[in-house]
Amino acid sequence: MGMDGSAPLRLEMRGIVKAFPGTVACQDIDFDLRHGEIHALVGQNGAGKSTLIKVLAGIHPRDAGEIFVEGNAVDHLTPRSAHDLGMRFIHQELNLIAQFNVAENIVLGDPYPLRRGTRLISWRRLNRHVGEVLEELGITLDPRRPVRSLTVAEQWMVAIARALYSKGRILVMDEPTSSLAREDVQELFQLVRSLAAKGTSVIYISHRLEEVFELAERVTVIKDGRKVVTSDVKNLTVSELVRWMVGGRPQELYPVIPGERALGKGILEVEGLTSADGRLTDVNLSVKEGEVLGITGLLGAGHNELAELLFGVGGRVARGRVSLDGRPYTPRTARRAIRHGMGLVPAERRSQGIVGEMRLWENVILAHLRRFAEPVLGLVLRARAERAALEQVRALRIVATGTRQEVQYLSGGNQQKIVLGKWLLRSPRLLILSEPTRGIDVSAKAEIYGLVRRLADGGRAILFISTEAEELAGVCDRVLILRGGRIAAELPRGELSAQRIMEACYGG
């Protein structure tokens, strides 16, 4: 029975313990989920959230504890039995097959409808069934459309539709909005709320605390492998939630920026920049020594395209003038950009910023192999490279077992610090940061914000490209708003607030 003596809980986990060699990832954790509830699960990277979910998914066998689904004890969970019990897991990497169409992805793992009396697939019935599921969810997508042609938001819709098509009753969503634009987030929230209203129970994992307050009814906080608290969201403040996540006093997320600061000479000057593909038109901007210039906009506004164009990895310049340190600069290749003193932390960390299978020290030296190469044979001088990597580990407070650990096993925040360390080893004059805190926890965000300001204080010029209005207001000296590939507004430090930035993005 439920805690209130009514219907049983949809899911109950009691005293879950899971240990790995050298660490206890989950220590006596309790968690429950009601029918039709959206229950947020939060905690810093490495707190134990992922391990708890993998125990629920049957990927990791639990060492101790009990699990009940609809009031019935579950002895041995496997991925297959978790699926049969109605659990569906949607991870950040959506695991859709790009070459398949929408219908094929949604039905994947379930029997395809066959033509009567044959073993041939009835594509007409399959598309009709999938169309009915999409219509019920309020998703306007053609079932025959290839998944590779969909936006990230539409791919999330397909992943959710797949969970519902196969009669999922418990839906676990891991960082569903980390790659979505603001306008897509609200569409996703509307879908999740409608699922909950129809009885689906949702476990919602996110580092974006504002989403917890907007969407969830209850929140459970995990820290250092233990449950800290479960609370109704309406009884909480953001400050209290952060304190539970990090321990001790509420953490100051953003660094203090002095009101009056003397900036140095101009580092980057862009005049009338227009891209050959037409996605950027007549862009003018300048960044000085010691300045953090924010750039933002809605989906398709051109902010990420600007970062890639300046670094020479996205498109060609049709017209306009760019200068670095007072000298003409034409973006052509990443090598040319690096030679001119630029560094880029890309928006897609896992696919563009790190090589997960390589070790920490190998990732740190990737942008300057010549510096660590033996002059005659060109072999990497490993001892020197490891020493340099260790300096970055200490300076950036990277948590790892050592410089030889594979980067894929580090938390998102530590991976991001490695990408930063790779460029700091070169001491770039201009550092372009594209979505630098995507998918990392609140504590790691605070460290990166502090690092950005220290780099600016040390004379670096920084382009801070983000769709997070709150962090732009908390970190930047100025913010430029792009709309339709053009600069539509400029907000000075005195006018920066999350509300003002969002109003400018939407044309206010």
Protein backbone atom coordinates (compact mmCIF):
# COMPACT_ATOMS: atom_id res chain seq x y z
CA MET A 1 0.00 0.00 0.00
CA GLY A 2 1.06 3.65 -0.44
CA MET A 3 2.33 5.76 2.40
CA ASP A 4 -1.10 7.37 2.72
CA GLY A 5 -2.82 3.96 2.91
CA SER A 6 -4.36 4.33 -0.58
CA ALA A 7 -3.23 2.69 -3.83
CA PRO A 8 0.28 1.23 -3.88
CA LEU A 9 3.18 3.32 -5.12
CA ARG A 10 4.10 2.71 -8.72
CA LEU A 11 7.76 2.26 -7.73
CA GLU A 12 9.51 1.91 -4.40
CA MET A 13 13.24 1.41 -3.82
CA ARG A 14 14.32 0.70 -0.23
CA GLY A 15 17.85 0.66 1.16
CA ILE A 16 19.58 0.32 -2.22
CA VAL A 17 23.31 -0.37 -1.94
CA LYS A 18 25.70 -0.62 -4.89
CA ALA A 19 29.48 -0.78 -4.51
CA PHE A 20 32.30 -0.89 -7.04
CA PRO A 21 35.97 -1.62 -6.31
CA GLY A 22 37.20 1.22 -4.14
CA THR A 23 33.91 3.11 -3.85
CA VAL A 24 30.32 2.79 -2.65
CA ALA A 25 28.22 4.53 -5.32
CA CYS A 26 24.85 4.06 -3.56
CA GLN A 27 24.56 3.72 0.21
CA ASP A 28 21.16 2.80 1.66
CA ILE A 29 19.12 4.97 -0.76
CA ASP A 30 15.30 5.12 -0.55
CA PHE A 31 13.27 6.44 -3.49
CA ASP A 32 9.60 6.16 -4.44
CA LEU A 33 7.40 7.24 -7.33
CA ARG A 34 3.63 7.78 -7.31
CA HIS A 35 1.14 7.18 -10.12
CA GLY A 36 1.12 10.12 -12.57
CA GLU A 37 3.90 11.94 -10.70
CA ILE A 38 6.86 13.92 -12.04
CA HIS A 39 9.62 13.30 -9.48
CA ALA A 40 12.96 15.11 -10.00
CA LEU A 41 16.24 13.43 -9.07
CA VAL A 42 19.11 15.86 -8.57
CA GLY A 43 22.69 15.89 -7.32
CA GLN A 44 26.17 16.81 -8.42
CA ASN A 45 28.08 14.75 -11.00
CA GLY A 46 29.28 11.62 -9.24
CA ALA A 47 26.60 11.83 -6.51
CA GLY A 48 25.16 8.41 -7.43
CA LYS A 49 22.14 9.32 -9.60
CA SER A 50 23.31 7.39 -12.66
CA THR A 51 24.20 4.30 -10.61
CA LEU A 52 20.77 4.30 -8.93
CA ILE A 53 19.06 4.52 -12.33
CA LYS A 54 21.26 1.73 -13.73
CA VAL A 55 20.24 -0.46 -10.78
CA LEU A 56 16.60 0.29 -11.64
CA ALA A 57 17.27 -0.49 -15.31
CA GLY A 58 18.78 -3.88 -14.43
CA ILE A 59 22.21 -2.88 -15.79
CA HIS A 60 23.89 -3.06 -12.35
CA PRO A 61 22.71 -5.78 -9.92
CA ARG A 62 22.09 -4.25 -6.49
CA ASP A 63 24.22 -5.45 -3.57
CA ALA A 64 21.42 -4.87 -1.05
CA GLY A 65 17.95 -3.39 -0.84
CA GLU A 66 14.46 -4.04 -2.16
CA ILE A 67 12.55 -2.87 -5.24
CA PHE A 68 8.74 -2.94 -5.58
CA VAL A 69 6.75 -2.18 -8.76
CA GLU A 70 3.01 -1.67 -8.28
CA GLY A 71 3.49 -3.08 -4.75
CA ASN A 72 5.04 -6.33 -5.98
CA ALA A 73 8.59 -7.26 -4.96
CA VAL A 74 11.08 -7.58 -7.83
CA ASP A 75 13.84 -10.06 -7.08
CA HIS A 76 16.26 -9.99 -10.00
CA LEU A 77 16.10 -7.06 -12.40
CA THR A 78 17.54 -7.34 -15.89
CA PRO A 79 17.14 -4.87 -18.79
CA ARG A 80 14.54 -7.23 -20.27
CA SER A 81 12.54 -7.64 -17.04
CA ALA A 82 12.71 -3.86 -16.39
CA HIS A 83 11.20 -3.35 -19.85
CA ASP A 84 8.52 -5.97 -19.18
CA LEU A 85 7.64 -4.13 -15.92
CA GLY A 86 6.92 -0.97 -17.94
CA MET A 87 10.15 0.97 -17.34
CA ARG A 88 11.49 3.11 -20.16
CA PHE A 89 14.80 4.99 -20.05
CA ILE A 90 15.62 7.96 -22.30
CA HIS A 91 19.25 9.00 -22.01
CA GLN A 92 21.02 12.17 -23.20
CA GLU A 93 22.38 10.11 -26.11
CA LEU A 94 19.00 9.16 -27.53
CA ASN A 95 20.07 5.91 -29.25
CA LEU A 96 17.86 6.51 -32.26
CA ILE A 97 18.88 5.00 -35.61
CA ALA A 98 19.41 7.91 -37.99
CA GLN A 99 18.96 5.81 -41.15
CA PHE A 100 15.51 4.60 -40.02
CA ASN A 101 12.38 6.68 -40.26
CA VAL A 102 10.21 7.86 -37.34
CA ALA A 103 7.87 4.83 -37.41
CA GLU A 104 10.72 2.29 -37.56
CA ASN A 105 12.43 3.90 -34.55
CA ILE A 106 9.23 4.04 -32.51
CA VAL A 107 8.38 0.36 -33.11
CA LEU A 108 11.99 -0.79 -32.66
CA GLY A 109 12.16 -3.62 -30.12
CA ASP A 110 8.49 -4.53 -30.51
CA PRO A 111 6.94 -6.88 -33.08
CA TYR A 112 6.23 -5.22 -36.44
CA PRO A 113 2.66 -5.74 -37.73
CA LEU A 114 2.62 -8.35 -40.52
CA ARG A 115 0.41 -8.72 -43.56
CA ARG A 116 -2.24 -11.34 -42.90
CA GLY A 117 -1.07 -14.86 -43.75
CA THR A 118 2.49 -13.75 -44.58
CA ARG A 119 5.77 -12.88 -42.86
CA LEU A 120 5.96 -9.53 -44.67
CA ILE A 121 5.77 -6.26 -42.73
CA SER A 122 2.54 -4.31 -43.16
CA TRP A 123 3.99 -0.82 -43.52
CA ARG A 124 0.52 0.70 -43.91
CA ARG A 125 -0.65 -0.66 -40.54
CA LEU A 126 2.66 0.22 -38.89
CA ASN A 127 2.48 3.85 -40.07
CA ARG A 128 -1.19 4.05 -39.04
CA HIS A 129 -0.47 2.71 -35.52
CA VAL A 130 2.48 5.08 -35.07
CA GLY A 131 0.46 8.00 -36.44
CA GLU A 132 -2.23 7.33 -33.81
CA VAL A 133 0.38 7.33 -31.01
CA LEU A 134 1.90 10.59 -32.29
CA GLU A 135 -1.56 12.18 -32.60
CA GLU A 136 -2.48 11.10 -29.07
CA LEU A 137 0.68 12.79 -27.80
CA GLY A 138 0.02 15.93 -29.84
CA ILE A 139 3.17 15.42 -31.94
CA THR A 140 2.91 16.55 -35.55
CA LEU A 141 5.49 14.36 -37.33
CA ASP A 142 5.21 12.27 -40.48
CA PRO A 143 5.93 8.63 -39.45
CA ARG A 144 7.78 8.12 -42.76
CA ARG A 145 10.23 10.96 -42.18
CA PRO A 146 13.92 9.92 -41.70
CA VAL A 147 15.18 10.54 -38.15
CA ARG A 148 18.39 12.14 -39.50
CA SER A 149 16.27 15.02 -40.84
CA LEU A 150 14.75 15.82 -37.41
CA THR A 151 15.79 18.55 -34.99
CA VAL A 152 17.07 17.54 -31.54
CA ALA A 153 13.69 18.50 -30.04
CA GLU A 154 11.83 16.32 -32.56
CA GLN A 155 14.18 13.40 -31.81
CA TRP A 156 13.23 13.70 -28.11
CA MET A 157 9.58 13.53 -29.14
CA VAL A 158 10.29 10.33 -31.07
CA ALA A 159 12.10 8.81 -28.07
CA ILE A 160 9.14 9.60 -25.81
CA ALA A 161 6.67 8.27 -28.37
CA ARG A 162 8.69 5.02 -28.52
CA ALA A 163 8.38 4.67 -24.74
CA LEU A 164 4.63 5.18 -24.88
CA TYR A 165 4.09 2.97 -27.95
CA SER A 166 5.56 0.04 -26.02
CA LYS A 167 3.23 0.67 -23.03
CA GLY A 168 5.77 2.34 -20.73
CA ARG A 169 4.37 3.25 -17.30
CA ILE A 170 7.58 4.55 -15.70
CA LEU A 171 9.56 7.01 -17.81
CA VAL A 172 13.10 8.01 -16.77
CA MET A 173 14.42 11.11 -18.55
CA ASP A 174 18.11 12.01 -18.19
CA GLU A 175 18.96 15.66 -18.97
CA PRO A 176 16.30 15.96 -21.69
CA THR A 177 16.78 19.71 -22.25
CA SER A 178 20.59 19.94 -22.31
CA SER A 179 20.63 20.26 -26.12
CA LEU A 180 17.32 22.08 -26.61
CA ALA A 181 16.61 25.72 -27.38
CA ARG A 182 14.35 27.64 -24.99
CA GLU A 183 11.26 27.45 -27.20
CA ASP A 184 11.65 23.65 -27.56
CA VAL A 185 11.94 23.18 -23.78
CA GLN A 186 8.39 24.45 -23.21
CA GLU A 187 7.06 22.10 -25.90
CA LEU A 188 8.79 19.18 -24.18
CA PHE A 189 7.45 20.24 -20.76
CA GLN A 190 3.92 20.37 -22.15
CA LEU A 191 4.30 16.81 -23.45
CA VAL A 192 5.70 15.52 -20.14
CA ARG A 193 2.85 17.14 -18.19
CA SER A 194 0.27 15.57 -20.51
CA LEU A 195 1.87 12.14 -20.00
CA ALA A 196 1.73 12.55 -16.22
CA ALA A 197 -1.92 13.65 -16.44
CA LYS A 198 -2.71 10.38 -18.26
CA GLY A 199 -1.05 8.33 -15.50
CA THR A 200 2.57 7.89 -16.66
CA SER A 201 5.06 8.30 -13.81
CA VAL A 202 8.20 10.31 -14.67
CA ILE A 203 11.63 10.38 -13.04
CA TYR A 204 13.21 13.62 -14.26
CA ILE A 205 17.00 14.07 -13.93
CA SER A 206 18.37 17.56 -14.59
CA HIS A 207 21.17 19.94 -13.61
CA ARG A 208 18.91 22.89 -14.47
CA LEU A 209 17.32 23.64 -11.13
CA GLU A 210 14.82 26.11 -12.57
CA GLU A 211 13.30 23.16 -14.50
CA VAL A 212 12.82 21.24 -11.26
CA PHE A 213 10.71 24.09 -9.87
CA GLU A 214 8.75 24.52 -13.09
CA LEU A 215 7.97 20.86 -13.78
CA ALA A 216 8.31 18.52 -10.78
CA GLU A 217 5.98 17.86 -7.85
CA ARG A 218 8.66 16.30 -5.64
CA VAL A 219 12.46 16.29 -5.67
CA THR A 220 14.96 13.85 -4.20
CA VAL A 221 18.52 15.05 -3.59
CA ILE A 222 21.46 12.61 -3.63
CA LYS A 223 24.92 13.57 -2.39
CA ASP A 224 28.01 11.37 -2.06
CA GLY A 225 26.00 8.20 -2.69
CA ARG A 226 23.36 8.90 -0.02
CA LYS A 227 19.87 10.35 -0.10
CA VAL A 228 19.84 13.77 1.54
CA VAL A 229 16.13 14.57 1.38
CA THR A 230 12.87 14.10 -0.51
CA SER A 231 10.64 17.18 -0.47
CA ASP A 232 7.62 18.74 -2.16
CA VAL A 233 9.00 21.29 -4.59
CA LYS A 234 6.46 23.92 -3.52
CA ASN A 235 8.02 23.94 -0.03
CA LEU A 236 11.55 24.68 -1.31
CA THR A 237 13.66 27.62 -2.46
CA VAL A 238 16.51 27.40 -4.98
CA SER A 239 18.95 28.36 -2.21
CA GLU A 240 17.82 25.46 -0.02
CA LEU A 241 18.06 23.00 -2.91
CA VAL A 242 21.60 24.13 -3.77
CA ARG A 243 22.62 23.85 -0.12
CA TRP A 244 21.38 20.25 0.04
CA MET A 245 23.23 19.41 -3.18
CA VAL A 246 26.62 20.88 -2.29
CA GLY A 247 26.49 20.76 1.53
CA GLY A 248 27.16 23.58 3.99
CA ARG A 249 26.24 27.16 3.16
CA PRO A 250 24.45 28.06 -0.07
CA GLN A 251 27.06 28.22 -2.80
CA GLU A 252 27.65 31.50 -4.61
CA LEU A 253 27.10 30.47 -8.20
CA TYR A 254 28.40 33.59 -9.92
CA PRO A 255 31.59 35.54 -9.18
CA VAL A 256 31.46 39.18 -8.08
CA ILE A 257 32.22 41.50 -11.01
CA PRO A 258 33.50 44.99 -10.10
CA GLY A 259 31.30 47.82 -11.36
CA GLU A 260 34.11 49.83 -12.96
CA ARG A 261 36.86 47.88 -14.73
CA ALA A 262 39.61 49.19 -16.99
CA LEU A 263 39.76 47.03 -20.11
CA GLY A 264 42.87 46.65 -22.27
CA LYS A 265 43.36 47.05 -26.01
CA GLY A 266 41.10 45.50 -28.62
CA ILE A 267 41.82 41.84 -29.35
CA LEU A 268 39.08 40.90 -31.83
CA GLU A 269 37.42 43.30 -34.31
CA VAL A 270 34.69 42.07 -36.65
CA GLU A 271 33.17 44.43 -39.26
CA GLY A 272 30.35 43.56 -41.66
CA LEU A 273 30.95 39.81 -41.40
CA THR A 274 28.65 37.84 -43.71
CA SER A 275 28.88 34.07 -44.17
CA ALA A 276 28.71 32.41 -47.59
CA ASP A 277 25.72 30.30 -46.53
CA GLY A 278 23.76 33.41 -45.50
CA ARG A 279 23.26 32.36 -41.89
CA LEU A 280 25.23 35.41 -40.65
CA THR A 281 24.73 38.87 -42.13
CA ASP A 282 26.65 42.10 -41.49
CA VAL A 283 27.87 41.15 -37.99
CA ASN A 284 29.88 43.81 -36.12
CA LEU A 285 31.52 43.21 -32.75
CA SER A 286 34.67 43.86 -30.75
CA VAL A 287 36.24 42.24 -27.69
CA LYS A 288 38.97 43.80 -25.54
CA GLU A 289 41.59 42.40 -23.18
CA GLY A 290 39.94 41.44 -19.91
CA GLU A 291 36.41 41.42 -21.35
CA VAL A 292 33.80 38.64 -21.31
CA LEU A 293 31.44 39.29 -24.21
CA GLY A 294 28.26 37.20 -24.16
CA ILE A 295 26.52 36.19 -27.38
CA THR A 296 23.09 34.57 -27.44
CA GLY A 297 19.89 34.10 -29.41
CA LEU A 298 17.07 31.67 -30.07
CA LEU A 299 17.51 28.44 -32.04
CA GLY A 300 18.92 29.26 -35.50
CA ALA A 301 19.86 32.84 -34.56
CA GLY A 302 23.48 32.20 -35.62
CA HIS A 303 25.43 32.32 -32.33
CA ASN A 304 26.97 28.84 -32.67
CA GLU A 305 27.60 29.43 -36.37
CA LEU A 306 29.54 32.59 -35.46
CA ALA A 307 31.82 30.64 -33.10
CA GLU A 308 32.61 28.01 -35.74
CA LEU A 309 33.06 30.57 -38.52
CA LEU A 310 35.58 32.62 -36.51
CA PHE A 311 37.53 29.47 -35.64
CA GLY A 312 37.60 28.34 -39.27
CA VAL A 313 35.59 25.14 -38.84
CA GLY A 314 32.17 26.19 -40.12
CA GLY A 315 31.56 27.67 -43.56
CA ARG A 316 33.32 30.48 -45.42
CA VAL A 317 33.33 34.27 -45.11
CA ALA A 318 31.59 35.92 -48.06
CA ARG A 319 32.51 39.45 -47.07
CA GLY A 320 33.57 41.54 -44.11
CA ARG A 321 36.77 42.17 -42.16
CA VAL A 322 38.21 40.42 -39.10
CA SER A 323 41.32 41.47 -37.20
CA LEU A 324 43.15 39.88 -34.27
CA ASP A 325 45.50 42.01 -32.18
CA GLY A 326 45.27 44.71 -34.85
CA ARG A 327 46.36 42.42 -37.69
CA PRO A 328 44.07 41.18 -40.50
CA TYR A 329 42.80 37.63 -39.99
CA THR A 330 40.89 35.44 -42.43
CA PRO A 331 39.19 32.39 -40.85
CA ARG A 332 40.04 29.31 -42.92
CA THR A 333 41.09 26.36 -40.75
CA ALA A 334 41.34 25.46 -37.07
CA ARG A 335 45.14 25.28 -37.42
CA ARG A 336 45.22 28.85 -38.67
CA ALA A 337 42.98 30.01 -35.79
CA ILE A 338 45.21 28.29 -33.21
CA ARG A 339 48.31 29.87 -34.77
CA HIS A 340 46.68 33.29 -34.40
CA GLY A 341 46.09 32.76 -30.67
CA MET A 342 42.49 31.51 -30.63
CA GLY A 343 40.95 28.58 -28.74
CA LEU A 344 37.48 27.04 -29.04
CA VAL A 345 35.56 25.05 -26.42
CA PRO A 346 32.82 23.54 -28.63
CA ALA A 347 29.17 23.09 -27.68
CA GLU A 348 29.30 19.32 -28.22
CA ARG A 349 31.92 18.29 -25.66
CA ARG A 350 31.77 14.52 -26.15
CA SER A 351 31.92 14.49 -29.96
CA GLN A 352 34.09 17.57 -30.62
CA GLY A 353 35.99 18.48 -27.45
CA ILE A 354 37.44 15.24 -26.06
CA VAL A 355 38.48 11.80 -27.25
CA GLY A 356 36.85 9.62 -24.60
CA GLU A 357 38.94 6.49 -25.21
CA MET A 358 42.19 8.43 -24.81
CA ARG A 359 43.80 9.20 -21.47
CA LEU A 360 43.64 12.49 -19.64
CA TRP A 361 47.22 13.55 -20.50
CA GLU A 362 46.70 12.69 -24.17
CA ASN A 363 43.60 14.90 -24.35
CA VAL A 364 45.34 17.85 -22.68
CA ILE A 365 48.20 17.93 -25.22
CA LEU A 366 46.04 17.38 -28.34
CA ALA A 367 46.17 21.03 -29.45
CA HIS A 368 49.98 21.31 -29.23
CA LEU A 369 51.59 17.98 -30.08
CA ARG A 370 54.69 19.63 -31.59
CA ARG A 371 55.60 21.13 -28.23
CA PHE A 372 55.81 17.64 -26.71
CA ALA A 373 57.38 15.85 -29.69
CA GLU A 374 60.97 14.59 -29.83
CA PRO A 375 62.73 16.74 -32.49
CA VAL A 376 64.09 14.00 -34.76
CA LEU A 377 61.56 11.15 -34.75
CA GLY A 378 58.52 13.20 -33.68
CA LEU A 379 57.57 10.80 -30.89
CA VAL A 380 55.62 12.26 -27.98
CA LEU A 381 57.79 12.83 -24.90
CA ARG A 382 55.36 11.19 -22.51
CA ALA A 383 56.95 12.21 -19.21
CA ARG A 384 56.95 15.89 -20.21
CA ALA A 385 53.37 15.64 -21.48
CA GLU A 386 52.17 13.98 -18.26
CA ARG A 387 53.83 16.71 -16.16
CA ALA A 388 52.07 19.40 -18.19
CA ALA A 389 48.74 17.59 -17.82
CA LEU A 390 49.26 17.24 -14.07
CA GLU A 391 49.73 21.01 -13.81
CA GLN A 392 46.33 21.52 -15.45
CA VAL A 393 44.74 18.88 -13.19
CA ARG A 394 45.95 20.79 -10.13
CA ALA A 395 45.20 24.28 -11.47
CA LEU A 396 41.66 23.40 -12.55
CA ARG A 397 40.96 21.02 -9.64
CA ILE A 398 40.11 18.15 -12.00
CA VAL A 399 38.94 15.08 -10.07
CA ALA A 400 40.54 11.97 -11.60
CA THR A 401 42.49 8.92 -10.47
CA GLY A 402 45.51 10.28 -12.37
CA THR A 403 46.66 11.61 -15.72
CA ARG A 404 46.39 8.11 -17.24
CA GLN A 405 42.67 7.70 -16.60
CA GLU A 406 40.47 7.45 -19.71
CA VAL A 407 38.48 10.66 -20.08
CA GLN A 408 35.20 8.85 -20.87
CA TYR A 409 34.99 7.74 -17.23
CA LEU A 410 35.16 11.27 -15.79
CA SER A 411 32.13 13.39 -14.88
CA GLY A 412 30.84 15.98 -17.35
CA GLY A 413 32.28 18.86 -15.32
CA ASN A 414 35.74 17.31 -15.23
CA GLN A 415 35.60 16.56 -18.95
CA GLN A 416 34.80 20.21 -19.60
CA LYS A 417 37.74 21.30 -17.46
CA ILE A 418 40.01 19.08 -19.56
CA VAL A 419 38.81 20.81 -22.74
CA LEU A 420 39.60 24.16 -21.07
CA GLY A 421 42.97 22.88 -19.86
CA LYS A 422 43.87 21.86 -23.41
CA TRP A 423 43.59 25.49 -24.50
CA LEU A 424 45.02 27.08 -21.37
CA LEU A 425 48.25 25.18 -22.06
CA ARG A 426 48.54 27.35 -25.19
CA SER A 427 47.64 30.62 -23.40
CA PRO A 428 45.28 31.86 -26.16
CA ARG A 429 44.65 35.59 -26.51
CA LEU A 430 41.00 34.93 -27.48
CA LEU A 431 39.01 32.04 -26.01
CA ILE A 432 35.64 31.15 -27.55
CA LEU A 433 33.38 29.22 -25.16
CA SER A 434 30.29 27.68 -26.75
CA GLU A 435 27.70 26.42 -24.22
CA PRO A 436 30.53 25.87 -21.67
CA THR A 437 28.30 24.56 -18.84
CA ARG A 438 25.93 22.30 -20.78
CA GLY A 439 25.16 19.09 -18.86
CA ILE A 440 27.34 19.77 -15.79
CA ASP A 441 26.31 20.17 -12.18
CA VAL A 442 25.89 23.35 -10.17
CA SER A 443 29.21 23.03 -8.34
CA ALA A 444 31.22 22.52 -11.55
CA LYS A 445 29.34 25.44 -13.12
CA ALA A 446 30.43 27.72 -10.28
CA GLU A 447 34.06 26.67 -10.77
CA ILE A 448 33.93 27.34 -14.53
CA TYR A 449 32.30 30.75 -14.02
CA GLY A 450 35.05 31.65 -11.56
CA LEU A 451 37.72 30.42 -13.98
CA VAL A 452 36.25 32.50 -16.83
CA ARG A 453 36.43 35.66 -14.72
CA ARG A 454 40.00 34.88 -13.58
CA LEU A 455 41.06 34.41 -17.21
CA ALA A 456 39.49 37.77 -18.06
CA ASP A 457 41.24 39.42 -15.11
CA GLY A 458 44.49 37.97 -16.49
CA GLY A 459 44.00 39.79 -19.79
CA ARG A 460 42.29 37.18 -21.96
CA ALA A 461 39.46 38.19 -24.27
CA ILE A 462 36.52 35.79 -24.04
CA LEU A 463 33.50 35.17 -26.26
CA PHE A 464 30.93 33.47 -24.01
CA ILE A 465 28.25 31.91 -26.23
CA SER A 466 25.28 30.48 -24.35
CA THR A 467 21.51 30.03 -24.44
CA GLU A 468 21.34 30.22 -20.61
CA ALA A 469 20.12 33.75 -19.84
CA GLU A 470 20.92 33.44 -16.12
CA GLU A 471 24.58 32.60 -16.65
CA LEU A 472 25.04 35.30 -19.28
CA ALA A 473 23.78 37.86 -16.76
CA GLY A 474 26.00 36.39 -14.04
CA VAL A 475 29.29 36.18 -15.94
CA CYS A 476 29.45 38.67 -18.83
CA ASP A 477 30.47 42.32 -19.16
CA ARG A 478 28.23 42.83 -22.19
CA VAL A 479 25.80 40.65 -24.13
CA LEU A 480 25.01 40.76 -27.86
CA ILE A 481 21.67 39.36 -29.05
CA LEU A 482 21.51 37.69 -32.45
CA ARG A 483 18.24 37.34 -34.36
CA GLY A 484 18.14 35.82 -37.83
CA GLY A 485 21.90 35.99 -38.21
CA ARG A 486 22.13 39.70 -37.38
CA ILE A 487 23.02 41.52 -34.17
CA ALA A 488 19.69 42.88 -32.95
CA ALA A 489 20.62 44.31 -29.54
CA GLU A 490 23.49 45.01 -27.17
CA LEU A 491 23.04 45.00 -23.39
CA PRO A 492 25.70 46.65 -21.19
CA ARG A 493 26.62 45.28 -17.76
CA GLY A 494 24.23 47.62 -15.95
CA GLU A 495 21.22 46.27 -17.88
CA LEU A 496 22.01 42.56 -17.64
CA SER A 497 19.34 40.31 -16.17
CA ALA A 498 17.88 37.00 -17.29
CA GLN A 499 14.54 38.64 -18.04
CA ARG A 500 16.06 41.49 -20.07
CA ILE A 501 18.16 39.05 -22.13
CA MET A 502 15.16 36.83 -22.91
CA GLU A 503 13.01 39.82 -23.84
CA ALA A 504 15.70 40.94 -26.28
CA CYS A 505 15.94 37.42 -27.78
CA TYR A 506 12.20 37.41 -28.44
CA GLY A 507 12.26 40.90 -29.90
CA GLY A 508 11.20 42.96 -26.86
